[in-house]
Amino acid sequence: MTRFTVGEVVKVDPEEIEAYVHLSQAALGESKKDKANEPAVLYLKVGEQKIVLGTLSRDKIPQTTLEVVLDKEFELSHSSKSSSVFFCGYKALIPDEEEYP
């Protein structure tokens, strides 16, 4: 599980860890009380393409499931100025081509 605080962008390079990265869930963490209902838009950036993964809202949608598998460098970020966001997932080792032709 990775926690993203306000304004933080996290970069991940699956090639560095020699694994595919599978994102399976995103959830809101703690928030400042004065802006507790502010929606958080979740972003995934691969290369120059920025994609919206979804929008979280404390009252209606505090968490969501994802089904995203990545094998290239990517960035995760969110729009909330008052809440943290947690991403969950796992890595799957890339099989050696010599072992598995």
N, C-alpha and C. Protein backbone atom coordinates (compact mmCIF):
# COMPACT_ATOMS: atom_id res chain seq x y z
N MET A 1 0.85 -1.16 0.00
CA MET A 1 0.00 0.00 0.00
C MET A 1 0.90 1.23 0.00
N THR A 2 0.54 2.22 -0.80
CA THR A 2 1.29 3.46 -0.89
C THR A 2 0.37 4.61 -0.57
N ARG A 3 0.84 5.49 0.29
CA ARG A 3 0.06 6.65 0.69
C ARG A 3 0.61 7.87 -0.02
N PHE A 4 -0.28 8.66 -0.62
CA PHE A 4 0.09 9.89 -1.28
C PHE A 4 -0.47 11.05 -0.49
N THR A 5 0.40 11.89 0.02
CA THR A 5 -0.07 13.03 0.77
C THR A 5 -0.43 14.16 -0.19
N VAL A 6 -0.94 15.23 0.34
CA VAL A 6 -1.42 16.36 -0.44
C VAL A 6 -0.31 16.87 -1.36
N GLY A 7 -0.60 16.94 -2.66
CA GLY A 7 0.32 17.49 -3.63
C GLY A 7 1.47 16.58 -4.05
N GLU A 8 1.52 15.38 -3.55
CA GLU A 8 2.62 14.47 -3.85
C GLU A 8 2.37 13.71 -5.15
N VAL A 9 3.44 13.56 -5.94
CA VAL A 9 3.41 12.74 -7.15
C VAL A 9 4.41 11.61 -6.93
N VAL A 10 3.99 10.37 -7.20
CA VAL A 10 4.88 9.23 -7.00
C VAL A 10 5.17 8.60 -8.35
N LYS A 11 6.46 8.42 -8.63
CA LYS A 11 6.89 7.79 -9.88
C LYS A 11 7.31 6.35 -9.60
N VAL A 12 6.92 5.46 -10.50
CA VAL A 12 7.27 4.04 -10.37
C VAL A 12 7.76 3.57 -11.74
N ASP A 13 8.88 2.84 -11.75
CA ASP A 13 9.40 2.27 -12.98
C ASP A 13 9.43 0.75 -12.85
N PRO A 14 8.45 0.05 -13.43
CA PRO A 14 8.40 -1.42 -13.33
C PRO A 14 9.66 -2.09 -13.87
N GLU A 15 10.32 -1.48 -14.84
CA GLU A 15 11.54 -2.07 -15.39
C GLU A 15 12.65 -2.11 -14.35
N GLU A 16 12.70 -1.10 -13.48
CA GLU A 16 13.71 -1.07 -12.42
C GLU A 16 13.53 -2.22 -11.44
N ILE A 17 12.30 -2.55 -11.13
CA ILE A 17 12.04 -3.63 -10.18
C ILE A 17 11.80 -4.96 -10.87
N GLU A 18 11.93 -4.95 -12.21
CA GLU A 18 11.76 -6.15 -13.03
C GLU A 18 10.44 -6.87 -12.74
N ALA A 19 9.37 -6.08 -12.72
CA ALA A 19 8.05 -6.64 -12.42
C ALA A 19 6.96 -5.80 -13.06
N TYR A 20 5.82 -6.43 -13.29
CA TYR A 20 4.63 -5.69 -13.68
C TYR A 20 4.02 -5.13 -12.40
N VAL A 21 3.41 -3.97 -12.48
CA VAL A 21 2.73 -3.38 -11.32
C VAL A 21 1.23 -3.44 -11.58
N HIS A 22 0.52 -4.04 -10.63
CA HIS A 22 -0.94 -4.17 -10.74
C HIS A 22 -1.58 -3.31 -9.66
N LEU A 23 -2.30 -2.27 -10.08
CA LEU A 23 -3.03 -1.41 -9.14
C LEU A 23 -4.42 -2.00 -8.97
N SER A 24 -4.82 -2.25 -7.72
CA SER A 24 -6.10 -2.92 -7.50
C SER A 24 -7.11 -2.12 -6.69
N GLN A 25 -6.66 -1.09 -5.96
CA GLN A 25 -7.61 -0.33 -5.14
C GLN A 25 -7.04 1.05 -4.83
N ALA A 26 -7.95 2.02 -4.66
CA ALA A 26 -7.59 3.37 -4.20
C ALA A 26 -8.62 3.77 -3.13
N ALA A 27 -8.14 4.45 -2.10
CA ALA A 27 -9.04 4.85 -1.00
C ALA A 27 -8.59 6.18 -0.41
N LEU A 28 -9.56 6.95 0.07
CA LEU A 28 -9.24 8.20 0.75
C LEU A 28 -8.71 7.92 2.15
N GLY A 29 -7.73 8.72 2.55
CA GLY A 29 -7.21 8.64 3.90
C GLY A 29 -7.77 9.77 4.73
N GLU A 30 -7.00 10.21 5.69
CA GLU A 30 -7.44 11.30 6.57
C GLU A 30 -7.56 12.59 5.77
N SER A 31 -8.44 13.48 6.26
CA SER A 31 -8.60 14.78 5.60
C SER A 31 -8.76 15.86 6.64
N LYS A 32 -8.51 17.09 6.20
CA LYS A 32 -8.75 18.24 7.06
C LYS A 32 -10.25 18.42 7.20
N LYS A 33 -10.70 18.69 8.39
CA LYS A 33 -12.14 18.74 8.65
C LYS A 33 -12.87 19.83 7.87
N ASP A 34 -12.22 20.96 7.60
CA ASP A 34 -12.92 22.05 6.92
C ASP A 34 -13.21 21.73 5.45
N LYS A 35 -12.50 20.76 4.86
CA LYS A 35 -12.74 20.40 3.46
C LYS A 35 -12.94 18.88 3.31
N ALA A 36 -13.62 18.28 4.25
CA ALA A 36 -13.75 16.82 4.29
C ALA A 36 -14.52 16.26 3.09
N ASN A 37 -15.41 17.04 2.47
CA ASN A 37 -16.22 16.53 1.36
C ASN A 37 -15.64 16.86 -0.01
N GLU A 38 -14.46 17.41 -0.06
CA GLU A 38 -13.83 17.74 -1.33
C GLU A 38 -13.53 16.47 -2.12
N PRO A 39 -13.94 16.39 -3.40
CA PRO A 39 -13.64 15.20 -4.19
C PRO A 39 -12.15 15.14 -4.54
N ALA A 40 -11.64 13.93 -4.72
CA ALA A 40 -10.25 13.72 -5.10
C ALA A 40 -10.22 12.99 -6.44
N VAL A 41 -9.71 13.64 -7.47
CA VAL A 41 -9.58 13.02 -8.78
C VAL A 41 -8.23 12.29 -8.80
N LEU A 42 -8.24 11.03 -9.22
CA LEU A 42 -7.04 10.20 -9.26
C LEU A 42 -6.48 10.19 -10.67
N TYR A 43 -5.17 10.44 -10.80
CA TYR A 43 -4.53 10.52 -12.11
C TYR A 43 -3.44 9.48 -12.26
N LEU A 44 -3.31 8.98 -13.48
CA LEU A 44 -2.23 8.09 -13.88
C LEU A 44 -1.60 8.72 -15.11
N LYS A 45 -0.28 8.92 -15.06
CA LYS A 45 0.43 9.49 -16.20
C LYS A 45 1.43 8.46 -16.70
N VAL A 46 1.31 8.09 -17.99
CA VAL A 46 2.24 7.17 -18.64
C VAL A 46 2.78 7.91 -19.86
N GLY A 47 4.09 8.17 -19.87
CA GLY A 47 4.65 8.98 -20.95
C GLY A 47 4.06 10.37 -20.88
N GLU A 48 3.53 10.85 -21.99
CA GLU A 48 2.89 12.17 -22.03
C GLU A 48 1.38 12.10 -21.84
N GLN A 49 0.84 10.90 -21.69
CA GLN A 49 -0.61 10.73 -21.57
C GLN A 49 -1.03 10.70 -20.11
N LYS A 50 -1.94 11.61 -19.73
CA LYS A 50 -2.47 11.66 -18.37
C LYS A 50 -3.91 11.18 -18.39
N ILE A 51 -4.20 10.16 -17.58
CA ILE A 51 -5.50 9.50 -17.57
C ILE A 51 -6.16 9.67 -16.21
N VAL A 52 -7.46 9.89 -16.19
CA VAL A 52 -8.22 9.94 -14.94
C VAL A 52 -8.64 8.52 -14.61
N LEU A 53 -8.22 8.03 -13.43
CA LEU A 53 -8.61 6.69 -12.97
C LEU A 53 -9.97 6.69 -12.30
N GLY A 54 -10.34 7.82 -11.72
CA GLY A 54 -11.62 7.89 -11.02
C GLY A 54 -11.66 9.09 -10.09
N THR A 55 -12.78 9.25 -9.42
CA THR A 55 -12.96 10.33 -8.45
C THR A 55 -13.46 9.73 -7.15
N LEU A 56 -12.80 10.10 -6.05
CA LEU A 56 -13.22 9.63 -4.73
C LEU A 56 -13.89 10.76 -3.98
N SER A 57 -14.88 10.43 -3.18
CA SER A 57 -15.61 11.40 -2.38
C SER A 57 -15.88 10.77 -1.01
N ARG A 58 -15.60 11.48 0.04
CA ARG A 58 -15.73 10.93 1.39
C ARG A 58 -17.15 10.43 1.66
N ASP A 59 -18.16 11.15 1.23
CA ASP A 59 -19.55 10.77 1.51
C ASP A 59 -20.08 9.66 0.61
N LYS A 60 -19.73 9.68 -0.68
CA LYS A 60 -20.35 8.75 -1.62
C LYS A 60 -19.43 7.63 -2.09
N ILE A 61 -18.18 7.95 -2.40
CA ILE A 61 -17.27 6.93 -2.94
C ILE A 61 -15.90 7.09 -2.28
N PRO A 62 -15.72 6.59 -1.05
CA PRO A 62 -14.44 6.75 -0.36
C PRO A 62 -13.35 5.80 -0.85
N GLN A 63 -13.76 4.77 -1.61
CA GLN A 63 -12.77 3.83 -2.16
C GLN A 63 -13.28 3.27 -3.48
N THR A 64 -12.36 2.77 -4.29
CA THR A 64 -12.75 2.18 -5.57
C THR A 64 -11.79 1.05 -5.93
N THR A 65 -12.29 0.11 -6.69
CA THR A 65 -11.42 -0.95 -7.19
C THR A 65 -10.85 -0.53 -8.54
N LEU A 66 -9.66 -1.01 -8.81
CA LEU A 66 -8.97 -0.72 -10.06
C LEU A 66 -8.51 -2.04 -10.67
N GLU A 67 -8.31 -2.04 -11.95
CA GLU A 67 -7.77 -3.21 -12.64
C GLU A 67 -6.79 -2.67 -13.68
N VAL A 68 -5.63 -2.22 -13.20
CA VAL A 68 -4.64 -1.58 -14.06
C VAL A 68 -3.32 -2.33 -13.90
N VAL A 69 -2.77 -2.80 -15.03
CA VAL A 69 -1.47 -3.47 -15.03
C VAL A 69 -0.51 -2.65 -15.88
N LEU A 70 0.65 -2.33 -15.31
CA LEU A 70 1.61 -1.45 -15.98
C LEU A 70 2.97 -2.11 -16.10
N ASP A 71 3.60 -1.88 -17.25
CA ASP A 71 4.96 -2.39 -17.45
C ASP A 71 5.93 -1.29 -17.85
N LYS A 72 5.45 -0.04 -17.89
CA LYS A 72 6.28 1.12 -18.23
C LYS A 72 6.25 2.11 -17.07
N GLU A 73 7.23 3.00 -17.06
CA GLU A 73 7.30 4.01 -16.00
C GLU A 73 6.00 4.83 -15.98
N PHE A 74 5.52 5.11 -14.76
CA PHE A 74 4.28 5.87 -14.62
C PHE A 74 4.32 6.73 -13.37
N GLU A 75 3.38 7.67 -13.31
CA GLU A 75 3.23 8.55 -12.15
C GLU A 75 1.80 8.47 -11.66
N LEU A 76 1.63 8.48 -10.34
CA LEU A 76 0.31 8.54 -9.72
C LEU A 76 0.20 9.85 -8.97
N SER A 77 -0.96 10.49 -9.07
CA SER A 77 -1.19 11.73 -8.32
C SER A 77 -2.69 11.88 -8.08
N HIS A 78 -3.05 12.90 -7.31
CA HIS A 78 -4.47 13.19 -7.06
C HIS A 78 -4.65 14.69 -6.88
N SER A 79 -5.89 15.13 -6.96
CA SER A 79 -6.18 16.56 -6.96
C SER A 79 -6.52 17.13 -5.59
N SER A 80 -6.72 16.30 -4.59
CA SER A 80 -7.18 16.79 -3.29
C SER A 80 -6.12 17.65 -2.60
N LYS A 81 -6.57 18.76 -2.07
CA LYS A 81 -5.69 19.64 -1.30
C LYS A 81 -5.83 19.40 0.20
N SER A 82 -6.75 18.49 0.56
CA SER A 82 -7.00 18.29 1.99
C SER A 82 -6.96 16.83 2.44
N SER A 83 -6.89 15.88 1.51
CA SER A 83 -6.92 14.46 1.89
C SER A 83 -5.73 13.70 1.33
N SER A 84 -5.37 12.64 2.04
CA SER A 84 -4.39 11.69 1.52
C SER A 84 -5.14 10.62 0.74
N VAL A 85 -4.45 9.97 -0.19
CA VAL A 85 -5.03 8.88 -0.96
C VAL A 85 -4.10 7.68 -0.84
N PHE A 86 -4.67 6.51 -0.66
CA PHE A 86 -3.91 5.27 -0.58
C PHE A 86 -4.17 4.44 -1.84
N PHE A 87 -3.11 3.92 -2.43
CA PHE A 87 -3.23 2.99 -3.55
C PHE A 87 -2.74 1.63 -3.09
N CYS A 88 -3.45 0.59 -3.47
CA CYS A 88 -3.08 -0.80 -3.15
C CYS A 88 -2.87 -1.56 -4.44
N GLY A 89 -2.01 -2.55 -4.37
CA GLY A 89 -1.76 -3.40 -5.52
C GLY A 89 -0.65 -4.37 -5.21
N TYR A 90 -0.09 -4.91 -6.26
CA TYR A 90 1.01 -5.86 -6.08
C TYR A 90 1.89 -5.85 -7.31
N LYS A 91 3.06 -6.48 -7.19
CA LYS A 91 3.93 -6.61 -8.34
C LYS A 91 4.04 -8.08 -8.72
N ALA A 92 4.13 -8.32 -10.02
CA ALA A 92 4.28 -9.68 -10.53
C ALA A 92 5.58 -9.70 -11.33
N LEU A 93 6.47 -10.60 -10.96
CA LEU A 93 7.76 -10.67 -11.63
C LEU A 93 7.60 -10.94 -13.12
N ILE A 94 8.41 -10.26 -13.91
CA ILE A 94 8.41 -10.48 -15.35
C ILE A 94 9.20 -11.77 -15.60
N PRO A 95 8.59 -12.77 -16.25
CA PRO A 95 9.31 -14.03 -16.47
C PRO A 95 10.49 -13.84 -17.41
N ASP A 96 11.54 -14.58 -17.14
CA ASP A 96 12.73 -14.56 -17.98
C ASP A 96 12.39 -15.24 -19.30
N GLU A 97 12.65 -14.57 -20.42
CA GLU A 97 12.29 -15.11 -21.73
C GLU A 97 13.00 -16.42 -22.03
N GLU A 98 14.19 -16.61 -21.48
CA GLU A 98 14.91 -17.86 -21.71
C GLU A 98 14.24 -19.03 -21.00
N GLU A 99 13.66 -18.77 -19.83
CA GLU A 99 12.97 -19.82 -19.09
C GLU A 99 11.62 -20.17 -19.70
N TYR A 100 10.93 -19.14 -20.20
CA TYR A 100 9.59 -19.32 -20.74
C TYR A 100 9.52 -18.76 -22.15
N PRO A 101 9.88 -19.55 -23.14
CA PRO A 101 9.90 -19.05 -24.54
C PRO A 101 8.49 -18.77 -25.06
